[in-house]
């Protein structure tokens, strides 16, 4: 088995700024949603748009809960293990989201309270702070990276369900793209296939013959948003190929059996 790739590093200050910027984009858009839009169904059945918006609030409030809790003694997982760790909790998350949607009819006010509390807690958090999540203990800096993933993925969900166009913050999208690309490389270590997601990420994956120079024999290329949708199961591999949203050449360029990487 080939060794897994080295973990990527992220600039904590830029990550935090990206999280707040994307959350601000979402808040502004949710503030303007009509009752009809909030009641629309989403692809995340049985959630409505309102419940999806509540889920985004819950994902951000998780930072508050983590920083208000006692700090764990040691980290138990890093970003390479986070991507597949939340599936066992899907049922509990769905129940919580439905309750939060009812508890917070004024989503804009709730979002404002969350942002203010996060900023206060982050300002007081020491460097190297660890936090305990449902899936295990990890560094605060790594956890903030996962918030970009939550925000980008669900901003796209909101856009498609509510028929709106919330901007995707460039650094948040870049961080999300890289995280999901690295998850693929971690799940299928190797160097026979190169996955390109310009302008943000290039990773090698899948065990097999390793190329040393020139054009790799197996290449997959797509744009960042299509990659986010593929990596999270929003778009099927065959669908993306048929729509020419992804190009794949070579015997080991079929990623269908490796997707989604975020469950």
Protein backbone atom coordinates (compact mmCIF):
# COMPACT_ATOMS: atom_id res chain seq x y z
CA UNK A 1 0.00 0.00 0.00
CA UNK A 2 1.52 3.37 -1.01
CA UNK A 3 2.06 5.90 1.80
CA UNK A 4 -0.63 8.49 2.30
CA UNK A 5 0.23 12.03 1.21
CA UNK A 6 1.52 14.49 3.76
CA UNK A 7 -1.19 16.63 5.36
CA UNK A 8 -1.61 20.05 3.75
CA UNK A 9 -1.16 23.12 5.93
CA UNK A 10 -3.56 26.06 5.98
CA UNK A 11 -3.07 29.64 7.15
CA UNK A 12 -5.31 29.95 10.26
CA UNK A 13 -5.87 33.69 9.87
CA UNK A 14 -6.91 33.37 6.22
CA UNK A 15 -9.15 30.40 7.04
CA UNK A 16 -10.97 32.31 9.76
CA UNK A 17 -11.41 35.36 7.52
CA UNK A 18 -12.82 33.13 4.78
CA UNK A 19 -15.27 31.49 7.18
CA UNK A 20 -16.62 34.85 8.35
CA UNK A 21 -16.80 36.19 4.80
CA UNK A 22 -18.76 33.21 3.49
CA UNK A 23 -21.06 33.21 6.53
CA UNK A 24 -21.74 36.91 5.86
CA UNK A 25 -22.68 36.10 2.26
CA UNK A 26 -25.10 33.43 3.49
CA UNK A 27 -26.59 35.70 6.15
CA UNK A 28 -27.26 38.47 3.66
CA UNK A 29 -28.98 36.07 1.29
CA UNK A 30 -31.06 34.32 3.95
CA UNK A 31 -32.20 37.72 5.24
CA UNK A 32 -33.81 38.37 1.88
CA UNK A 33 -35.56 35.03 1.38
CA UNK A 34 -39.33 35.06 1.13
CA UNK A 35 -41.60 32.70 2.99
CA UNK A 36 -42.19 30.83 -0.24
CA UNK A 37 -38.47 30.38 -0.80
CA UNK A 38 -37.89 29.22 2.78
CA UNK A 39 -40.58 26.59 2.37
CA UNK A 40 -39.13 25.11 -0.81
CA UNK A 41 -37.79 21.56 -0.70
CA UNK A 42 -34.07 20.89 -1.06
CA UNK A 43 -32.09 17.97 -2.42
CA UNK A 44 -31.37 17.09 1.22
CA UNK A 45 -34.79 15.57 1.84
CA UNK A 46 -36.75 16.05 4.00
CA UNK A 47 -35.20 19.45 4.68
CA UNK A 48 -36.76 22.65 3.46
CA UNK A 49 -34.69 25.72 2.63
CA UNK A 50 -35.39 27.01 6.15
CA UNK A 51 -34.06 23.79 7.66
CA UNK A 52 -31.01 23.92 5.41
CA UNK A 53 -30.37 27.46 6.62
CA UNK A 54 -30.76 26.21 10.18
CA UNK A 55 -28.19 23.53 9.48
CA UNK A 56 -25.70 26.19 8.38
CA UNK A 57 -26.35 27.99 11.65
CA UNK A 58 -25.78 24.74 13.53
CA UNK A 59 -22.51 24.13 11.68
CA UNK A 60 -21.29 27.56 12.73
CA UNK A 61 -22.61 27.30 16.28
CA UNK A 62 -20.50 24.16 16.62
CA UNK A 63 -17.52 26.52 16.94
CA UNK A 64 -19.18 28.14 19.95
CA UNK A 65 -19.93 24.81 21.61
CA UNK A 66 -16.40 23.58 20.99
CA UNK A 67 -14.70 26.63 22.46
CA UNK A 68 -17.01 26.85 25.46
CA UNK A 69 -16.32 23.22 26.37
CA UNK A 70 -13.32 21.93 28.26
CA UNK A 71 -10.23 21.55 26.10
CA UNK A 72 -9.30 17.91 25.40
CA UNK A 73 -5.84 16.70 26.35
CA UNK A 74 -4.81 15.53 22.90
CA UNK A 75 -5.97 15.52 19.30
CA UNK A 76 -7.56 12.29 18.09
CA UNK A 77 -7.99 13.01 14.39
CA UNK A 78 -6.74 15.30 11.69
CA UNK A 79 -8.24 16.53 8.46
CA UNK A 80 -7.29 13.31 6.67
CA UNK A 81 -9.72 11.35 8.85
CA UNK A 82 -12.46 13.94 9.21
CA UNK A 83 -14.10 13.53 5.81
CA UNK A 84 -15.65 10.14 6.53
CA UNK A 85 -16.32 10.57 10.22
CA UNK A 86 -19.78 12.15 10.42
CA UNK A 87 -21.95 9.55 8.66
CA UNK A 88 -22.96 7.73 11.90
CA UNK A 89 -24.43 10.96 13.25
CA UNK A 90 -26.63 11.85 10.26
CA UNK A 91 -29.86 10.91 12.03
CA UNK A 92 -29.11 12.96 15.13
CA UNK A 93 -28.06 15.92 12.98
CA UNK A 94 -31.33 15.82 11.02
CA UNK A 95 -33.41 15.85 14.22
CA UNK A 96 -31.41 18.73 15.66
CA UNK A 97 -31.76 20.77 12.47
CA UNK A 98 -35.54 20.44 12.45
CA UNK A 99 -35.70 21.58 16.08
CA UNK A 100 -33.41 24.55 15.42
CA UNK A 101 -35.50 25.69 12.46
CA UNK A 102 -38.51 25.91 14.76
CA UNK A 103 -36.57 27.45 17.64
CA UNK A 104 -35.09 30.27 15.54
CA UNK A 105 -37.74 31.76 13.25
CA UNK A 106 -35.57 34.89 12.87
CA UNK A 107 -32.57 33.30 11.19
CA UNK A 108 -30.87 36.62 10.57
CA UNK A 109 -30.86 37.53 14.27
CA UNK A 110 -29.63 34.06 15.21
CA UNK A 111 -26.83 34.22 12.65
CA UNK A 112 -25.77 37.58 14.09
CA UNK A 113 -25.62 36.17 17.61
CA UNK A 114 -23.55 33.21 16.42
CA UNK A 115 -21.04 35.38 14.58
CA UNK A 116 -20.57 37.72 17.54
CA UNK A 117 -20.02 34.83 19.94
CA UNK A 118 -17.55 33.09 17.61
CA UNK A 119 -15.49 36.24 17.18
CA UNK A 120 -15.30 36.76 20.95
CA UNK A 121 -14.28 33.17 21.61
CA UNK A 122 -11.72 33.04 18.81
CA UNK A 123 -10.09 36.24 20.03
CA UNK A 124 -9.61 34.60 23.43
CA UNK A 125 -8.45 31.20 22.15
CA UNK A 126 -4.73 30.50 22.57
CA UNK A 127 -2.56 29.24 19.72
CA UNK A 128 -2.72 25.48 19.40
CA UNK A 129 -6.14 25.23 21.06
CA UNK A 130 -7.76 21.81 20.77
CA UNK A 131 -11.51 21.25 20.57
CA UNK A 132 -13.68 18.21 21.05
CA UNK A 133 -16.28 17.49 18.40
CA UNK A 134 -18.82 14.72 18.11
CA UNK A 135 -16.41 12.80 15.92
CA UNK A 136 -13.36 13.30 18.13
CA UNK A 137 -10.83 15.87 19.31
CA UNK A 138 -8.90 17.96 16.77
CA UNK A 139 -7.07 21.25 16.55
CA UNK A 140 -9.14 24.42 16.36
CA UNK A 141 -7.27 25.42 13.21
CA UNK A 142 -8.24 22.15 11.50
CA UNK A 143 -11.81 22.50 12.70
CA UNK A 144 -12.08 25.95 11.12
CA UNK A 145 -10.98 24.41 7.82
CA UNK A 146 -13.96 22.06 8.05
CA UNK A 147 -16.25 25.08 8.49
CA UNK A 148 -15.26 26.30 5.02
CA UNK A 149 -16.41 22.94 3.68
CA UNK A 150 -19.75 23.17 5.48
CA UNK A 151 -20.30 26.71 4.25
CA UNK A 152 -19.31 26.18 0.62
CA UNK A 153 -21.20 22.90 0.22
CA UNK A 154 -24.38 24.22 1.79
CA UNK A 155 -24.18 27.62 0.12
CA UNK A 156 -24.33 25.74 -3.17
CA UNK A 157 -27.25 23.69 -1.81
CA UNK A 158 -29.06 26.91 -0.89
CA UNK A 159 -28.45 28.48 -4.27
CA UNK A 160 -29.94 25.53 -6.12
CA UNK A 161 -32.90 25.06 -3.78
CA UNK A 162 -33.91 28.70 -3.34
CA UNK A 163 -33.06 29.86 -6.86
CA UNK A 164 -30.56 32.46 -5.67
CA UNK A 165 -26.90 33.24 -6.33
CA UNK A 166 -24.94 33.58 -3.09
CA UNK A 167 -21.29 34.34 -3.92
CA UNK A 168 -18.65 31.76 -3.06
CA UNK A 169 -15.74 33.44 -1.30
CA UNK A 170 -12.57 32.65 -3.24
CA UNK A 171 -10.42 31.52 -0.31
CA UNK A 172 -13.26 29.53 1.25
CA UNK A 173 -13.85 27.75 -2.07
CA UNK A 174 -10.12 27.12 -2.47
CA UNK A 175 -9.84 25.65 1.02
CA UNK A 176 -12.91 23.47 0.53
CA UNK A 177 -11.63 22.24 -2.84
CA UNK A 178 -8.22 21.35 -1.44
CA UNK A 179 -9.67 19.60 1.59
CA UNK A 180 -11.89 17.40 -0.59
CA UNK A 181 -9.08 16.69 -3.07
CA UNK A 182 -6.79 15.67 -0.22
CA UNK A 183 -9.53 13.41 1.17
CA UNK A 184 -9.59 11.57 -2.16
CA UNK A 185 -5.80 11.20 -2.15
CA UNK A 186 -5.90 9.93 1.44
CA UNK A 187 -8.64 7.41 0.70
CA UNK A 188 -6.92 6.09 -2.44
CA UNK A 189 -3.17 6.65 -1.97
CA UNK A 190 -0.96 6.23 -4.99
CA UNK A 191 0.49 8.15 -7.89
CA UNK A 192 -0.96 6.61 -11.03
CA UNK A 193 -3.73 9.20 -11.50
CA UNK A 194 -3.51 12.97 -11.36
CA UNK A 195 -6.62 14.92 -10.40
CA UNK A 196 -6.53 18.55 -11.43
CA UNK A 197 -8.96 21.16 -10.11
CA UNK A 198 -7.58 24.45 -11.39
CA UNK A 199 -6.75 26.90 -10.05
CA UNK A 200 -6.82 25.44 -6.54
CA UNK A 201 -5.62 21.85 -6.34
CA UNK A 202 -3.68 19.03 -7.97
CA UNK A 203 -3.38 15.67 -6.24
CA UNK A 204 -2.15 12.23 -7.18
CA UNK A 205 -4.01 9.12 -6.15
CA UNK A 206 -4.80 5.45 -6.91
CA UNK A 207 -2.22 2.72 -6.63
CA UNK A 208 -0.51 1.65 -9.86
CA UNK A 209 2.38 2.57 -12.15
CA UNK A 210 3.96 5.87 -11.16
CA UNK A 211 4.85 8.41 -13.81
CA UNK A 212 8.07 10.37 -13.34
CA UNK A 213 7.90 13.07 -16.00
CA UNK A 214 5.77 14.40 -18.80
CA UNK A 215 2.00 14.13 -18.98
CA UNK A 216 0.60 11.51 -16.58
CA UNK A 217 -1.11 8.53 -18.29
CA UNK A 218 -4.26 9.00 -16.18
CA UNK A 219 -5.67 12.49 -15.76
CA UNK A 220 -8.94 13.82 -14.36
CA UNK A 221 -9.73 17.51 -14.60
CA UNK A 222 -12.74 19.54 -13.52
CA UNK A 223 -13.66 22.93 -12.09
CA UNK A 224 -13.89 23.62 -8.33
CA UNK A 225 -17.67 23.71 -8.00
CA UNK A 226 -18.15 20.52 -10.01
CA UNK A 227 -15.50 18.87 -7.83
CA UNK A 228 -17.29 19.96 -4.65
CA UNK A 229 -20.51 18.45 -5.99
CA UNK A 230 -18.80 15.22 -7.04
CA UNK A 231 -16.91 14.86 -3.76
CA UNK A 232 -20.06 15.35 -1.68
CA UNK A 233 -22.42 13.22 -3.75
CA UNK A 234 -24.43 16.11 -5.16
CA UNK A 235 -23.48 15.13 -8.71
CA UNK A 236 -22.87 11.60 -9.99
CA UNK A 237 -19.66 10.82 -11.84
CA UNK A 238 -21.54 9.66 -14.95
CA UNK A 239 -23.69 12.79 -14.91
CA UNK A 240 -20.64 15.06 -14.81
CA UNK A 241 -19.00 13.14 -17.65
CA UNK A 242 -22.11 13.28 -19.80
CA UNK A 243 -22.40 17.03 -19.22
CA UNK A 244 -18.70 17.52 -20.08
CA UNK A 245 -18.13 18.98 -16.62
CA UNK A 246 -15.23 16.62 -16.07
CA UNK A 247 -12.62 15.15 -18.42
CA UNK A 248 -11.04 11.77 -17.68
CA UNK A 249 -8.36 10.01 -19.72
CA UNK A 250 -6.53 6.78 -18.99
CA UNK A 251 -7.31 3.33 -17.59
CA UNK A 252 -7.25 4.56 -13.99
CA UNK A 253 -9.18 7.80 -14.49
CA UNK A 254 -12.58 6.49 -13.42
CA UNK A 255 -13.26 7.91 -9.95
CA UNK A 256 -16.83 6.65 -9.69
CA UNK A 257 -15.92 3.98 -7.14
CA UNK A 258 -14.14 6.53 -4.91
CA UNK A 259 -16.88 9.15 -4.73
CA UNK A 260 -18.24 10.73 -2.67
CA UNK A 261 -15.37 11.34 -0.29
CA UNK A 262 -17.43 13.37 2.21
CA UNK A 263 -20.16 11.30 3.87
